[in-house]
Amino acid sequence: DRERRRIAQDLHDGLQVQLVLLAL
């Protein structure tokens, strides 16, 4: 579960932010 949280946090803070910037 801790690893799932880490992955979710990395996806949220990393890839998702990058996608938002690319969309802008």
PDB file of all heavy atoms in Angstrom:
ATOM      1  N   ASP A   1       0.824  -1.213   0.000  1.00  0.00           N
ATOM      2  CA  ASP A   1       0.000   0.000   0.000  1.00  0.00           C
ATOM      3  C   ASP A   1       0.855   1.259   0.000  1.00  0.00           C
ATOM      4  O   ASP A   1       0.513   2.257  -0.651  1.00  0.00           O
ATOM      5  CB  ASP A   1      -0.930  -0.006   1.231  1.00  0.00           C
ATOM      6  CG  ASP A   1      -2.051  -1.022   1.091  1.00  0.00           C
ATOM      7  OD1 ASP A   1      -2.339  -1.428  -0.054  1.00  0.00           O
ATOM      8  OD2 ASP A   1      -2.634  -1.418   2.116  1.00  0.00           O
ATOM      9  N   ARG A   2       1.970   1.211   0.734  1.00  0.00           N
ATOM     10  CA  ARG A   2       2.853   2.381   0.708  1.00  0.00           C
ATOM     11  C   ARG A   2       3.429   2.596  -0.688  1.00  0.00           C
ATOM     12  O   ARG A   2       3.564   3.747  -1.144  1.00  0.00           O
ATOM     13  CB  ARG A   2       3.987   2.196   1.727  1.00  0.00           C
ATOM     14  CG  ARG A   2       3.557   2.366   3.173  1.00  0.00           C
ATOM     15  CD  ARG A   2       4.764   2.540   4.086  1.00  0.00           C
ATOM     16  NE  ARG A   2       5.640   1.376   4.030  1.00  0.00           N
ATOM     17  CZ  ARG A   2       5.529   0.318   4.826  1.00  0.00           C
ATOM     18  NH1 ARG A   2       4.556   0.276   5.726  1.00  0.00           N
ATOM     19  NH2 ARG A   2       6.377  -0.691   4.724  1.00  0.00           N
ATOM     20  N   GLU A   3       3.748   1.502  -1.354  1.00  0.00           N
ATOM     21  CA  GLU A   3       4.262   1.628  -2.721  1.00  0.00           C
ATOM     22  C   GLU A   3       3.186   2.153  -3.671  1.00  0.00           C
ATOM     23  O   GLU A   3       3.464   2.970  -4.558  1.00  0.00           O
ATOM     24  CB  GLU A   3       4.777   0.265  -3.203  1.00  0.00           C
ATOM     25  CG  GLU A   3       5.481   0.286  -4.541  1.00  0.00           C
ATOM     26  CD  GLU A   3       6.750   1.130  -4.534  1.00  0.00           C
ATOM     27  OE1 GLU A   3       7.247   1.462  -3.432  1.00  0.00           O
ATOM     28  OE2 GLU A   3       7.254   1.453  -5.630  1.00  0.00           O
ATOM     29  N   ARG A   4       1.950   1.712  -3.465  1.00  0.00           N
ATOM     30  CA  ARG A   4       0.842   2.227  -4.286  1.00  0.00           C
ATOM     31  C   ARG A   4       0.677   3.731  -4.055  1.00  0.00           C
ATOM     32  O   ARG A   4       0.453   4.492  -4.996  1.00  0.00           O
ATOM     33  CB  ARG A   4      -0.461   1.496  -3.923  1.00  0.00           C
ATOM     34  CG  ARG A   4      -0.493   0.041  -4.318  1.00  0.00           C
ATOM     35  CD  ARG A   4      -1.648  -0.687  -3.647  1.00  0.00           C
ATOM     36  NE  ARG A   4      -2.921  -0.289  -4.213  1.00  0.00           N
ATOM     37  CZ  ARG A   4      -3.608  -1.008  -5.103  1.00  0.00           C
ATOM     38  NH1 ARG A   4      -3.118  -2.164  -5.531  1.00  0.00           N
ATOM     39  NH2 ARG A   4      -4.766  -0.596  -5.559  1.00  0.00           N
ATOM     40  N   ARG A   5       0.791   4.150  -2.797  1.00  0.00           N
ATOM     41  CA  ARG A   5       0.677   5.581  -2.510  1.00  0.00           C
ATOM     42  C   ARG A   5       1.816   6.357  -3.180  1.00  0.00           C
ATOM     43  O   ARG A   5       1.607   7.455  -3.715  1.00  0.00           O
ATOM     44  CB  ARG A   5       0.703   5.815  -0.995  1.00  0.00           C
ATOM     45  CG  ARG A   5      -0.584   5.449  -0.286  1.00  0.00           C
ATOM     46  CD  ARG A   5      -0.525   5.868   1.180  1.00  0.00           C
ATOM     47  NE  ARG A   5      -1.802   5.696   1.852  1.00  0.00           N
ATOM     48  CZ  ARG A   5      -2.180   4.603   2.466  1.00  0.00           C
ATOM     49  NH1 ARG A   5      -1.361   3.557   2.495  1.00  0.00           N
ATOM     50  NH2 ARG A   5      -3.366   4.523   3.044  1.00  0.00           N
ATOM     51  N   ARG A   6       3.020   5.780  -3.120  1.00  0.00           N
ATOM     52  CA  ARG A   6       4.166   6.468  -3.740  1.00  0.00           C
ATOM     53  C   ARG A   6       3.966   6.594  -5.250  1.00  0.00           C
ATOM     54  O   ARG A   6       4.204   7.662  -5.831  1.00  0.00           O
ATOM     55  CB  ARG A   6       5.454   5.712  -3.438  1.00  0.00           C
ATOM     56  CG  ARG A   6       6.723   6.441  -3.908  1.00  0.00           C
ATOM     57  CD  ARG A   6       7.926   5.536  -3.846  1.00  0.00           C
ATOM     58  NE  ARG A   6       7.825   4.419  -4.765  1.00  0.00           N
ATOM     59  CZ  ARG A   6       8.062   4.516  -6.087  1.00  0.00           C
ATOM     60  NH1 ARG A   6       8.392   5.689  -6.631  1.00  0.00           N
ATOM     61  NH2 ARG A   6       7.943   3.463  -6.862  1.00  0.00           N
ATOM     62  N   ILE A   7       3.530   5.491  -5.857  1.00  0.00           N
ATOM     63  CA  ILE A   7       3.312   5.530  -7.308  1.00  0.00           C
ATOM     64  C   ILE A   7       2.221   6.542  -7.654  1.00  0.00           C
ATOM     65  O   ILE A   7       2.345   7.337  -8.589  1.00  0.00           O
ATOM     66  CB  ILE A   7       2.949   4.130  -7.822  1.00  0.00           C
ATOM     67  CG1 ILE A   7       4.155   3.199  -7.687  1.00  0.00           C
ATOM     68  CG2 ILE A   7       2.482   4.185  -9.277  1.00  0.00           C
ATOM     69  CD1 ILE A   7       3.842   1.748  -8.005  1.00  0.00           C
ATOM     70  N   ALA A   8       1.121   6.504  -6.872  1.00  0.00           N
ATOM     71  CA  ALA A   8       0.037   7.446  -7.135  1.00  0.00           C
ATOM     72  C   ALA A   8       0.504   8.881  -6.961  1.00  0.00           C
ATOM     73  O   ALA A   8       0.154   9.771  -7.760  1.00  0.00           O
ATOM     74  CB  ALA A   8      -1.139   7.147  -6.200  1.00  0.00           C
ATOM     75  N   GLN A   9       1.305   9.105  -5.919  1.00  0.00           N
ATOM     76  CA  GLN A   9       1.798  10.455  -5.696  1.00  0.00           C
ATOM     77  C   GLN A   9       2.738  10.897  -6.819  1.00  0.00           C
ATOM     78  O   GLN A   9       2.680  12.044  -7.301  1.00  0.00           O
ATOM     79  CB  GLN A   9       2.538  10.525  -4.355  1.00  0.00           C
ATOM     80  CG  GLN A   9       2.846  11.932  -3.871  1.00  0.00           C
ATOM     81  CD  GLN A   9       1.580  12.692  -3.492  1.00  0.00           C
ATOM     82  OE1 GLN A   9       0.639  12.111  -2.965  1.00  0.00           O
ATOM     83  NE2 GLN A   9       1.533  13.983  -3.803  1.00  0.00           N
ATOM     84  N   ASP A  10       3.609   9.972  -7.283  1.00  0.00           N
ATOM     85  CA  ASP A  10       4.523  10.311  -8.374  1.00  0.00           C
ATOM     86  C   ASP A  10       3.756  10.605  -9.656  1.00  0.00           C
ATOM     87  O   ASP A  10       4.087  11.554 -10.398  1.00  0.00           O
ATOM     88  CB  ASP A  10       5.512   9.170  -8.610  1.00  0.00           C
ATOM     89  CG  ASP A  10       6.533   9.052  -7.484  1.00  0.00           C
ATOM     90  OD1 ASP A  10       6.611   9.998  -6.676  1.00  0.00           O
ATOM     91  OD2 ASP A  10       7.221   8.014  -7.407  1.00  0.00           O
ATOM     92  N   LEU A  11       2.738   9.794  -9.930  1.00  0.00           N
ATOM     93  CA  LEU A  11       1.942  10.048 -11.134  1.00  0.00           C
ATOM     94  C   LEU A  11       1.218  11.380 -11.038  1.00  0.00           C
ATOM     95  O   LEU A  11       1.120  12.133 -12.013  1.00  0.00           O
ATOM     96  CB  LEU A  11       0.935   8.913 -11.336  1.00  0.00           C
ATOM     97  CG  LEU A  11       1.509   7.551 -11.746  1.00  0.00           C
ATOM     98  CD1 LEU A  11       0.404   6.498 -11.769  1.00  0.00           C
ATOM     99  CD2 LEU A  11       2.174   7.634 -13.117  1.00  0.00           C
ATOM    100  N   HIS A  12       0.700  11.675  -9.844  1.00  0.00           N
ATOM    101  CA  HIS A  12      -0.052  12.923  -9.670  1.00  0.00           C
ATOM    102  C   HIS A  12       0.869  14.129  -9.750  1.00  0.00           C
ATOM    103  O   HIS A  12       0.575  15.127 -10.428  1.00  0.00           O
ATOM    104  CB  HIS A  12      -0.770  12.894  -8.324  1.00  0.00           C
ATOM    105  CG  HIS A  12      -1.563  14.139  -8.039  1.00  0.00           C
ATOM    106  ND1 HIS A  12      -0.999  15.256  -7.460  1.00  0.00           N
ATOM    107  CD2 HIS A  12      -2.871  14.439  -8.267  1.00  0.00           C
ATOM    108  CE1 HIS A  12      -1.919  16.208  -7.350  1.00  0.00           C
ATOM    109  NE2 HIS A  12      -3.074  15.722  -7.824  1.00  0.00           N
ATOM    110  N   ASP A  13       2.019  14.040  -9.042  1.00  0.00           N
ATOM    111  CA  ASP A  13       2.911  15.193  -8.974  1.00  0.00           C
ATOM    112  C   ASP A  13       3.831  15.302 -10.188  1.00  0.00           C
ATOM    113  O   ASP A  13       4.352  16.384 -10.479  1.00  0.00           O
ATOM    114  CB  ASP A  13       3.770  15.123  -7.708  1.00  0.00           C
ATOM    115  CG  ASP A  13       2.928  15.199  -6.453  1.00  0.00           C
ATOM    116  OD1 ASP A  13       1.769  15.646  -6.538  1.00  0.00           O
ATOM    117  OD2 ASP A  13       3.427  14.800  -5.372  1.00  0.00           O
ATOM    118  N   GLY A  14       4.069  14.195 -10.899  1.00  0.00           N
ATOM    119  CA  GLY A  14       5.002  14.211 -12.013  1.00  0.00           C
ATOM    120  C   GLY A  14       4.313  14.213 -13.364  1.00  0.00           C
ATOM    121  O   GLY A  14       4.143  15.258 -14.016  1.00  0.00           O
ATOM    122  N   LEU A  15       3.848  13.049 -13.786  1.00  0.00           N
ATOM    123  CA  LEU A  15       3.302  12.909 -15.132  1.00  0.00           C
ATOM    124  C   LEU A  15       2.051  13.749 -15.335  1.00  0.00           C
ATOM    125  O   LEU A  15       1.875  14.392 -16.390  1.00  0.00           O
ATOM    126  CB  LEU A  15       3.008  11.434 -15.404  1.00  0.00           C
ATOM    127  CG  LEU A  15       2.543  11.070 -16.814  1.00  0.00           C
ATOM    128  CD1 LEU A  15       3.538  11.554 -17.862  1.00  0.00           C
ATOM    129  CD2 LEU A  15       2.323   9.569 -16.926  1.00  0.00           C
ATOM    130  N   GLN A  16       1.164  13.783 -14.338  1.00  0.00           N
ATOM    131  CA  GLN A  16      -0.068  14.549 -14.513  1.00  0.00           C
ATOM    132  C   GLN A  16       0.234  16.034 -14.639  1.00  0.00           C
ATOM    133  O   GLN A  16      -0.370  16.736 -15.466  1.00  0.00           O
ATOM    134  CB  GLN A  16      -1.026  14.294 -13.340  1.00  0.00           C
ATOM    135  CG  GLN A  16      -2.384  14.968 -13.510  1.00  0.00           C
ATOM    136  CD  GLN A  16      -3.367  14.541 -12.416  1.00  0.00           C
ATOM    137  OE1 GLN A  16      -3.211  13.485 -11.836  1.00  0.00           O
ATOM    138  NE2 GLN A  16      -4.360  15.366 -12.174  1.00  0.00           N
ATOM    139  N   VAL A  17       1.163  16.533 -13.864  1.00  0.00           N
ATOM    140  CA  VAL A  17       1.541  17.948 -13.972  1.00  0.00           C
ATOM    141  C   VAL A  17       2.137  18.239 -15.348  1.00  0.00           C
ATOM    142  O   VAL A  17       1.842  19.263 -15.980  1.00  0.00           O
ATOM    143  CB  VAL A  17       2.527  18.313 -12.849  1.00  0.00           C
ATOM    144  CG1 VAL A  17       3.103  19.715 -13.086  1.00  0.00           C
ATOM    145  CG2 VAL A  17       1.835  18.257 -11.495  1.00  0.00           C
ATOM    146  N   GLN A  18       2.973  17.317 -15.847  1.00  0.00           N
ATOM    147  CA  GLN A  18       3.565  17.502 -17.162  1.00  0.00           C
ATOM    148  C   GLN A  18       2.501  17.523 -18.259  1.00  0.00           C
ATOM    149  O   GLN A  18       2.553  18.330 -19.199  1.00  0.00           O
ATOM    150  CB  GLN A  18       4.588  16.396 -17.444  1.00  0.00           C
ATOM    151  CG  GLN A  18       5.817  16.443 -16.541  1.00  0.00           C
ATOM    152  CD  GLN A  18       6.772  15.303 -16.831  1.00  0.00           C
ATOM    153  OE1 GLN A  18       6.789  14.782 -17.954  1.00  0.00           O
ATOM    154  NE2 GLN A  18       7.565  14.941 -15.828  1.00  0.00           N
ATOM    155  N   LEU A  19       1.508  16.668 -18.134  1.00  0.00           N
ATOM    156  CA  LEU A  19       0.428  16.666 -19.123  1.00  0.00           C
ATOM    157  C   LEU A  19      -0.353  17.974 -19.080  1.00  0.00           C
ATOM    158  O   LEU A  19      -0.765  18.512 -20.118  1.00  0.00           O
ATOM    159  CB  LEU A  19      -0.509  15.485 -18.862  1.00  0.00           C
ATOM    160  CG  LEU A  19       0.051  14.091 -19.211  1.00  0.00           C
ATOM    161  CD1 LEU A  19      -0.929  13.006 -18.768  1.00  0.00           C
ATOM    162  CD2 LEU A  19       0.312  13.986 -20.715  1.00  0.00           C
ATOM    163  N   VAL A  20      -0.583  18.483 -17.900  1.00  0.00           N
ATOM    164  CA  VAL A  20      -1.292  19.763 -17.798  1.00  0.00           C
ATOM    165  C   VAL A  20      -0.479  20.876 -18.458  1.00  0.00           C
ATOM    166  O   VAL A  20      -1.014  21.720 -19.194  1.00  0.00           O
ATOM    167  CB  VAL A  20      -1.577  20.097 -16.315  1.00  0.00           C
ATOM    168  CG1 VAL A  20      -2.113  21.528 -16.191  1.00  0.00           C
ATOM    169  CG2 VAL A  20      -2.584  19.106 -15.733  1.00  0.00           C
ATOM    170  N   LEU A  21       0.832  20.887 -18.231  1.00  0.00           N
ATOM    171  CA  LEU A  21       1.687  21.906 -18.846  1.00  0.00           C
ATOM    172  C   LEU A  21       1.704  21.763 -20.371  1.00  0.00           C
ATOM    173  O   LEU A  21       1.668  22.767 -21.113  1.00  0.00           O
ATOM    174  CB  LEU A  21       3.104  21.799 -18.288  1.00  0.00           C
ATOM    175  CG  LEU A  21       3.267  22.144 -16.794  1.00  0.00           C
ATOM    176  CD1 LEU A  21       4.697  21.899 -16.340  1.00  0.00           C
ATOM    177  CD2 LEU A  21       2.873  23.603 -16.552  1.00  0.00           C
ATOM    178  N   LEU A  22       1.740  20.495 -20.859  1.00  0.00           N
ATOM    179  CA  LEU A  22       1.709  20.277 -22.302  1.00  0.00           C
ATOM    180  C   LEU A  22       0.388  20.744 -22.895  1.00  0.00           C
ATOM    181  O   LEU A  22       0.345  21.315 -24.003  1.00  0.00           O
ATOM    182  CB  LEU A  22       1.927  18.797 -22.619  1.00  0.00           C
ATOM    183  CG  LEU A  22       3.356  18.267 -22.419  1.00  0.00           C
ATOM    184  CD1 LEU A  22       3.395  16.759 -22.627  1.00  0.00           C
ATOM    185  CD2 LEU A  22       4.326  18.969 -23.367  1.00  0.00           C
ATOM    186  N   ALA A  23      -0.711  20.513 -22.158  1.00  0.00           N
ATOM    187  CA  ALA A  23      -2.011  20.964 -22.654  1.00  0.00           C
ATOM    188  C   ALA A  23      -2.056  22.485 -22.733  1.00  0.00           C
ATOM    189  O   ALA A  23      -2.593  23.068 -23.697  1.00  0.00           O
ATOM    190  CB  ALA A  23      -3.117  20.449 -21.726  1.00  0.00           C
ATOM    191  N   LEU A  24      -1.506  23.159 -21.731  1.00  0.00           N
ATOM    192  CA  LEU A  24      -1.461  24.622 -21.772  1.00  0.00           C
ATOM    193  C   LEU A  24      -0.600  25.108 -22.943  1.00  0.00           C
ATOM    194  O   LEU A  24      -0.946  26.075 -23.633  1.00  0.00           O
ATOM    195  CB  LEU A  24      -0.905  25.153 -20.448  1.00  0.00           C
ATOM    196  CG  LEU A  24      -1.802  24.956 -19.213  1.00  0.00           C
ATOM    197  CD1 LEU A  24      -1.078  25.396 -17.950  1.00  0.00           C
ATOM    198  CD2 LEU A  24      -3.106  25.750 -19.381  1.00  0.00           C
TER     199      LEU A  24
END
